[in-house]
PDB file of N, CA and C in Angstrom:
ATOM      1  N   MET A   1       0.808  -1.211  -0.019  1.00  0.00           N
ATOM      2  CA  MET A   1       0.013  -0.008  -0.015  1.00  0.00           C
ATOM      3  C   MET A   1       0.886   1.290   0.024  1.00  0.00           C
ATOM      4  N   ASN A   2       1.249   1.616  -1.109  1.00  0.00           N
ATOM      5  CA  ASN A   2       2.030   2.874  -1.285  1.00  0.00           C
ATOM      6  C   ASN A   2       1.242   4.068  -0.990  1.00  0.00           C
ATOM      7  N   GLY A   3       1.877   5.089  -0.427  1.00  0.00           N
ATOM      8  CA  GLY A   3       1.215   6.378  -0.214  1.00  0.00           C
ATOM      9  C   GLY A   3       0.530   6.565   1.090  1.00  0.00           C
ATOM     10  N   ILE A   4       0.450   5.487   1.872  1.00  0.00           N
ATOM     11  CA  ILE A   4      -0.186   5.647   3.296  1.00  0.00           C
ATOM     12  C   ILE A   4       0.998   5.808   4.282  1.00  0.00           C
ATOM     13  N   VAL A   5       0.894   6.943   5.020  1.00  0.00           N
ATOM     14  CA  VAL A   5       1.900   7.299   5.955  1.00  0.00           C
ATOM     15  C   VAL A   5       1.296   7.460   7.315  1.00  0.00           C
ATOM     16  N   GLY A   6       1.892   6.803   8.303  1.00  0.00           N
ATOM     17  CA  GLY A   6       1.397   6.962   9.665  1.00  0.00           C
ATOM     18  C   GLY A   6       2.224   8.006  10.444  1.00  0.00           C
ATOM     19  N   PHE A   7       1.689   8.614  11.393  1.00  0.00           N
ATOM     20  CA  PHE A   7       2.415   9.570  12.240  1.00  0.00           C
ATOM     21  C   PHE A   7       1.889   9.570  13.614  1.00  0.00           C
ATOM     22  N   GLU A   8       2.699  10.107  14.543  1.00  0.00           N
ATOM     23  CA  GLU A   8       2.301  10.174  15.983  1.00  0.00           C
ATOM     24  C   GLU A   8       2.467  11.656  16.358  1.00  0.00           C
ATOM     25  N   ARG A   9       1.562  12.110  17.150  1.00  0.00           N
ATOM     26  CA  ARG A   9       1.654  13.530  17.653  1.00  0.00           C
ATOM     27  C   ARG A   9       1.399  13.598  19.101  1.00  0.00           C
ATOM     28  N   THR A  10       2.159  14.390  19.788  1.00  0.00           N
ATOM     29  CA  THR A  10       2.019  14.605  21.225  1.00  0.00           C
ATOM     30  C   THR A  10       1.511  15.972  21.440  1.00  0.00           C
ATOM     31  N   PHE A  11       0.369  16.045  22.197  1.00  0.00           N
ATOM     32  CA  PHE A  11      -0.272  17.363  22.477  1.00  0.00           C
ATOM     33  C   PHE A  11       0.311  17.878  23.807  1.00  0.00           C
ATOM     34  N   THR A  12       0.467  19.128  23.885  1.00  0.00           N
ATOM     35  CA  THR A  12       1.057  19.761  25.178  1.00  0.00           C
ATOM     36  C   THR A  12      -0.068  20.602  25.779  1.00  0.00           C
ATOM     37  N   ARG A  13      -1.092  20.851  25.028  1.00  0.00           N
ATOM     38  CA  ARG A  13      -2.184  21.738  25.569  1.00  0.00           C
ATOM     39  C   ARG A  13      -3.480  21.454  24.876  1.00  0.00           C
ATOM     40  N   TRP A  14      -4.558  21.460  25.532  1.00  0.00           N
ATOM     41  CA  TRP A  14      -5.923  21.402  25.065  1.00  0.00           C
ATOM     42  C   TRP A  14      -6.603  22.745  25.209  1.00  0.00           C
ATOM     43  N   GLU A  15      -7.377  23.143  24.239  1.00  0.00           N
ATOM     44  CA  GLU A  15      -8.143  24.425  24.346  1.00  0.00           C
ATOM     45  C   GLU A  15      -9.621  24.049  23.898  1.00  0.00           C
ATOM     46  N   GLY A  16     -10.506  24.346  24.867  1.00  0.00           N
ATOM     47  CA  GLY A  16     -11.923  24.044  24.429  1.00  0.00           C
ATOM     48  C   GLY A  16     -12.710  25.265  24.186  1.00  0.00           C
ATOM     49  N   ASN A  17     -13.814  25.147  23.449  1.00  0.00           N
ATOM     50  CA  ASN A  17     -14.801  26.198  23.354  1.00  0.00           C
ATOM     51  C   ASN A  17     -16.138  25.573  23.190  1.00  0.00           C
ATOM     52  N   TYR A  18     -17.167  26.344  23.285  1.00  0.00           N
ATOM     53  CA  TYR A  18     -18.472  25.840  23.149  1.00  0.00           C
ATOM     54  C   TYR A  18     -19.334  26.851  22.336  1.00  0.00           C
ATOM     55  N   LYS A  19     -20.343  26.375  21.620  1.00  0.00           N
ATOM     56  CA  LYS A  19     -21.218  27.187  20.805  1.00  0.00           C
ATOM     57  C   LYS A  19     -22.503  27.438  21.500  1.00  0.00           C
ATOM     58  N   LEU A  20     -23.168  26.450  21.956  1.00  0.00           N
ATOM     59  CA  LEU A  20     -24.440  26.662  22.631  1.00  0.00           C
ATOM     60  C   LEU A  20     -25.412  27.226  21.679  1.00  0.00           C
ATOM     61  N   SER A  21     -25.319  26.827  20.383  1.00  0.00           N
ATOM     62  CA  SER A  21     -26.306  27.228  19.366  1.00  0.00           C
ATOM     63  C   SER A  21     -26.448  28.704  19.125  1.00  0.00           C
ATOM     64  N   GLN A  22     -25.353  29.442  19.159  1.00  0.00           N
ATOM     65  CA  GLN A  22     -25.321  30.854  18.875  1.00  0.00           C
ATOM     66  C   GLN A  22     -25.815  31.218  17.416  1.00  0.00           C
ATOM     67  N   ASN A  23     -25.685  30.185  16.522  1.00  0.00           N
ATOM     68  CA  ASN A  23     -26.015  30.455  15.168  1.00  0.00           C
ATOM     69  C   ASN A  23     -27.556  30.292  14.954  1.00  0.00           C
ATOM     70  N   ARG A  24     -28.346  30.021  16.011  1.00  0.00           N
ATOM     71  CA  ARG A  24     -29.768  29.842  15.852  1.00  0.00           C
ATOM     72  C   ARG A  24     -30.524  31.135  16.318  1.00  0.00           C
ATOM     73  N   SER A  25     -31.775  31.192  15.927  1.00  0.00           N
ATOM     74  CA  SER A  25     -32.512  32.430  16.320  1.00  0.00           C
ATOM     75  C   SER A  25     -32.725  32.473  17.811  1.00  0.00           C
ATOM     76  N   LEU A  26     -33.061  33.659  18.302  1.00  0.00           N
ATOM     77  CA  LEU A  26     -33.236  33.839  19.768  1.00  0.00           C
ATOM     78  C   LEU A  26     -34.337  32.936  20.285  1.00  0.00           C
ATOM     79  N   VAL A  27     -35.383  32.783  19.630  1.00  0.00           N
ATOM     80  CA  VAL A  27     -36.490  31.924  20.054  1.00  0.00           C
ATOM     81  C   VAL A  27     -36.042  30.518  20.111  1.00  0.00           C
ATOM     82  N   ASP A  28     -35.254  29.983  19.121  1.00  0.00           N
ATOM     83  CA  ASP A  28     -34.777  28.648  19.130  1.00  0.00           C
ATOM     84  C   ASP A  28     -33.851  28.442  20.363  1.00  0.00           C
ATOM     85  N   ARG A  29     -32.998  29.379  20.580  1.00  0.00           N
ATOM     86  CA  ARG A  29     -32.048  29.251  21.744  1.00  0.00           C
ATOM     87  C   ARG A  29     -32.820  29.234  22.994  1.00  0.00           C
ATOM     88  N   GLN A  30     -33.846  30.108  23.182  1.00  0.00           N
ATOM     89  CA  GLN A  30     -34.656  30.096  24.462  1.00  0.00           C
ATOM     90  C   GLN A  30     -35.321  28.807  24.545  1.00  0.00           C
ATOM     91  N   ASN A  31     -35.935  28.292  23.525  1.00  0.00           N
ATOM     92  CA  ASN A  31     -36.636  26.941  23.571  1.00  0.00           C
ATOM     93  C   ASN A  31     -35.737  25.865  23.983  1.00  0.00           C
ATOM     94  N   MET A  32     -34.458  25.792  23.396  1.00  0.00           N
ATOM     95  CA  MET A  32     -33.541  24.750  23.718  1.00  0.00           C
ATOM     96  C   MET A  32     -33.087  24.882  25.203  1.00  0.00           C
ATOM     97  N   SER A  33     -32.834  26.130  25.606  1.00  0.00           N
ATOM     98  CA  SER A  33     -32.377  26.355  26.978  1.00  0.00           C
ATOM     99  C   SER A  33     -33.430  25.822  27.928  1.00  0.00           C
ATOM    100  N   ASN A  34     -34.698  26.249  27.716  1.00  0.00           N
ATOM    101  CA  ASN A  34     -35.830  25.651  28.579  1.00  0.00           C
ATOM    102  C   ASN A  34     -35.956  24.194  28.599  1.00  0.00           C
ATOM    103  N   ALA A  35     -35.777  23.572  27.396  1.00  0.00           N
ATOM    104  CA  ALA A  35     -35.956  22.139  27.317  1.00  0.00           C
ATOM    105  C   ALA A  35     -34.791  21.486  28.086  1.00  0.00           C
ATOM    106  N   GLU A  36     -33.539  21.955  28.002  1.00  0.00           N
ATOM    107  CA  GLU A  36     -32.485  21.419  28.774  1.00  0.00           C
ATOM    108  C   GLU A  36     -32.665  21.578  30.282  1.00  0.00           C
ATOM    109  N   LEU A  37     -33.277  22.686  30.666  1.00  0.00           N
ATOM    110  CA  LEU A  37     -33.516  22.883  32.195  1.00  0.00           C
ATOM    111  C   LEU A  37     -34.564  21.903  32.641  1.00  0.00           C
ATOM    112  N   GLU A  38     -35.504  21.432  31.825  1.00  0.00           N
ATOM    113  CA  GLU A  38     -36.526  20.554  32.248  1.00  0.00           C
ATOM    114  C   GLU A  38     -36.029  19.070  32.363  1.00  0.00           C
ATOM    115  N   ILE A  39     -34.994  18.718  31.746  1.00  0.00           N
ATOM    116  CA  ILE A  39     -34.416  17.313  31.788  1.00  0.00           C
ATOM    117  C   ILE A  39     -33.876  17.076  33.219  1.00  0.00           C
ATOM    118  N   LEU A  40     -34.241  15.959  33.720  1.00  0.00           N
ATOM    119  CA  LEU A  40     -33.729  15.542  35.023  1.00  0.00           C
ATOM    120  C   LEU A  40     -32.328  14.960  34.956  1.00  0.00           C
ATOM    121  N   ASP A  41     -31.434  15.565  34.423  1.00  0.00           N
ATOM    122  CA  ASP A  41     -29.998  15.192  34.352  1.00  0.00           C
ATOM    123  C   ASP A  41     -29.105  16.337  34.643  1.00  0.00           C
ATOM    124  N   ALA A  42     -28.170  16.114  35.555  1.00  0.00           N
ATOM    125  CA  ALA A  42     -27.337  17.309  36.026  1.00  0.00           C
ATOM    126  C   ALA A  42     -26.546  17.947  34.838  1.00  0.00           C
ATOM    127  N   ALA A  43     -26.000  17.097  33.869  1.00  0.00           N
ATOM    128  CA  ALA A  43     -25.223  17.685  32.774  1.00  0.00           C
ATOM    129  C   ALA A  43     -26.137  18.520  31.880  1.00  0.00           C
ATOM    130  N   ALA A  44     -27.297  17.983  31.645  1.00  0.00           N
ATOM    131  CA  ALA A  44     -28.257  18.728  30.736  1.00  0.00           C
ATOM    132  C   ALA A  44     -28.755  20.025  31.385  1.00  0.00           C
ATOM    133  N   GLY A  45     -28.959  19.965  32.690  1.00  0.00           N
ATOM    134  CA  GLY A  45     -29.326  21.117  33.515  1.00  0.00           C
ATOM    135  C   GLY A  45     -28.187  22.138  33.480  1.00  0.00           C
ATOM    136  N   ALA A  46     -26.971  21.727  33.542  1.00  0.00           N
ATOM    137  CA  ALA A  46     -25.868  22.665  33.501  1.00  0.00           C
ATOM    138  C   ALA A  46     -25.685  23.333  32.188  1.00  0.00           C
ATOM    139  N   VAL A  47     -26.016  22.553  31.097  1.00  0.00           N
ATOM    140  CA  VAL A  47     -25.830  23.137  29.742  1.00  0.00           C
ATOM    141  C   VAL A  47     -27.069  24.155  29.585  1.00  0.00           C
ATOM    142  N   GLY A  48     -28.251  23.790  30.055  1.00  0.00           N
ATOM    143  CA  GLY A  48     -29.409  24.727  30.005  1.00  0.00           C
ATOM    144  C   GLY A  48     -29.119  26.000  30.787  1.00  0.00           C
ATOM    145  N   ALA A  49     -28.500  25.873  31.915  1.00  0.00           N
ATOM    146  CA  ALA A  49     -28.209  27.021  32.845  1.00  0.00           C
ATOM    147  C   ALA A  49     -27.166  27.976  32.118  1.00  0.00           C
ATOM    148  N   GLU A  50     -26.184  27.319  31.487  1.00  0.00           N
ATOM    149  CA  GLU A  50     -25.138  28.048  30.728  1.00  0.00           C
ATOM    150  C   GLU A  50     -25.780  28.771  29.505  1.00  0.00           C
ATOM    151  N   MET A  51     -26.629  28.066  28.824  1.00  0.00           N
ATOM    152  CA  MET A  51     -27.279  28.728  27.730  1.00  0.00           C
ATOM    153  C   MET A  51     -28.181  29.902  28.134  1.00  0.00           C
ATOM    154  N   GLN A  52     -28.849  29.743  29.304  1.00  0.00           N
ATOM    155  CA  GLN A  52     -29.679  30.830  29.829  1.00  0.00           C
ATOM    156  C   GLN A  52     -28.778  32.040  30.219  1.00  0.00           C
ATOM    157  N   HIS A  53     -27.630  31.735  30.850  1.00  0.00           N
ATOM    158  CA  HIS A  53     -26.675  32.746  31.199  1.00  0.00           C
ATOM    159  C   HIS A  53     -26.148  33.510  29.994  1.00  0.00           C
ATOM    160  N   ASN A  54     -25.802  32.756  28.887  1.00  0.00           N
ATOM    161  CA  ASN A  54     -25.424  33.332  27.617  1.00  0.00           C
ATOM    162  C   ASN A  54     -26.462  34.190  26.991  1.00  0.00           C
ATOM    163  N   LEU A  55     -27.686  33.768  27.034  1.00  0.00           N
ATOM    164  CA  LEU A  55     -28.793  34.599  26.567  1.00  0.00           C
ATOM    165  C   LEU A  55     -28.984  35.888  27.296  1.00  0.00           C
ATOM    166  N   GLU A  56     -28.838  35.834  28.625  1.00  0.00           N
ATOM    167  CA  GLU A  56     -29.006  36.990  29.485  1.00  0.00           C
ATOM    168  C   GLU A  56     -27.853  37.972  29.307  1.00  0.00           C
ATOM    169  N   ALA A  57     -26.712  37.488  29.068  1.00  0.00           N
ATOM    170  CA  ALA A  57     -25.490  38.368  28.946  1.00  0.00           C
ATOM    171  C   ALA A  57     -25.590  39.054  27.516  1.00  0.00           C
ATOM    172  N   ASN A  58     -26.324  38.527  26.565  1.00  0.00           N
ATOM    173  CA  ASN A  58     -26.342  39.130  25.235  1.00  0.00           C
ATOM    174  C   ASN A  58     -27.543  39.939  25.082  1.00  0.00           C
ATOM    175  N   GLU A  59     -28.340  40.226  26.084  1.00  0.00           N
ATOM    176  CA  GLU A  59     -29.611  41.013  25.847  1.00  0.00           C
ATOM    177  C   GLU A  59     -29.231  42.484  25.791  1.00  0.00           C
TER     178      GLU A  59
END
């Protein structure tokens, strides 16, 4: 199999970011945030709270 080359890479730093649906309309973002807050899961609730915070900060 000519042309296939393997390589290894060592990462020294990770950088994360999140979108939380900023490319959606305000109504869509509000609906998604409310839906996340209604789910009885800690992670989903945290995402919903962060989306709500993001919405309030951009008003």
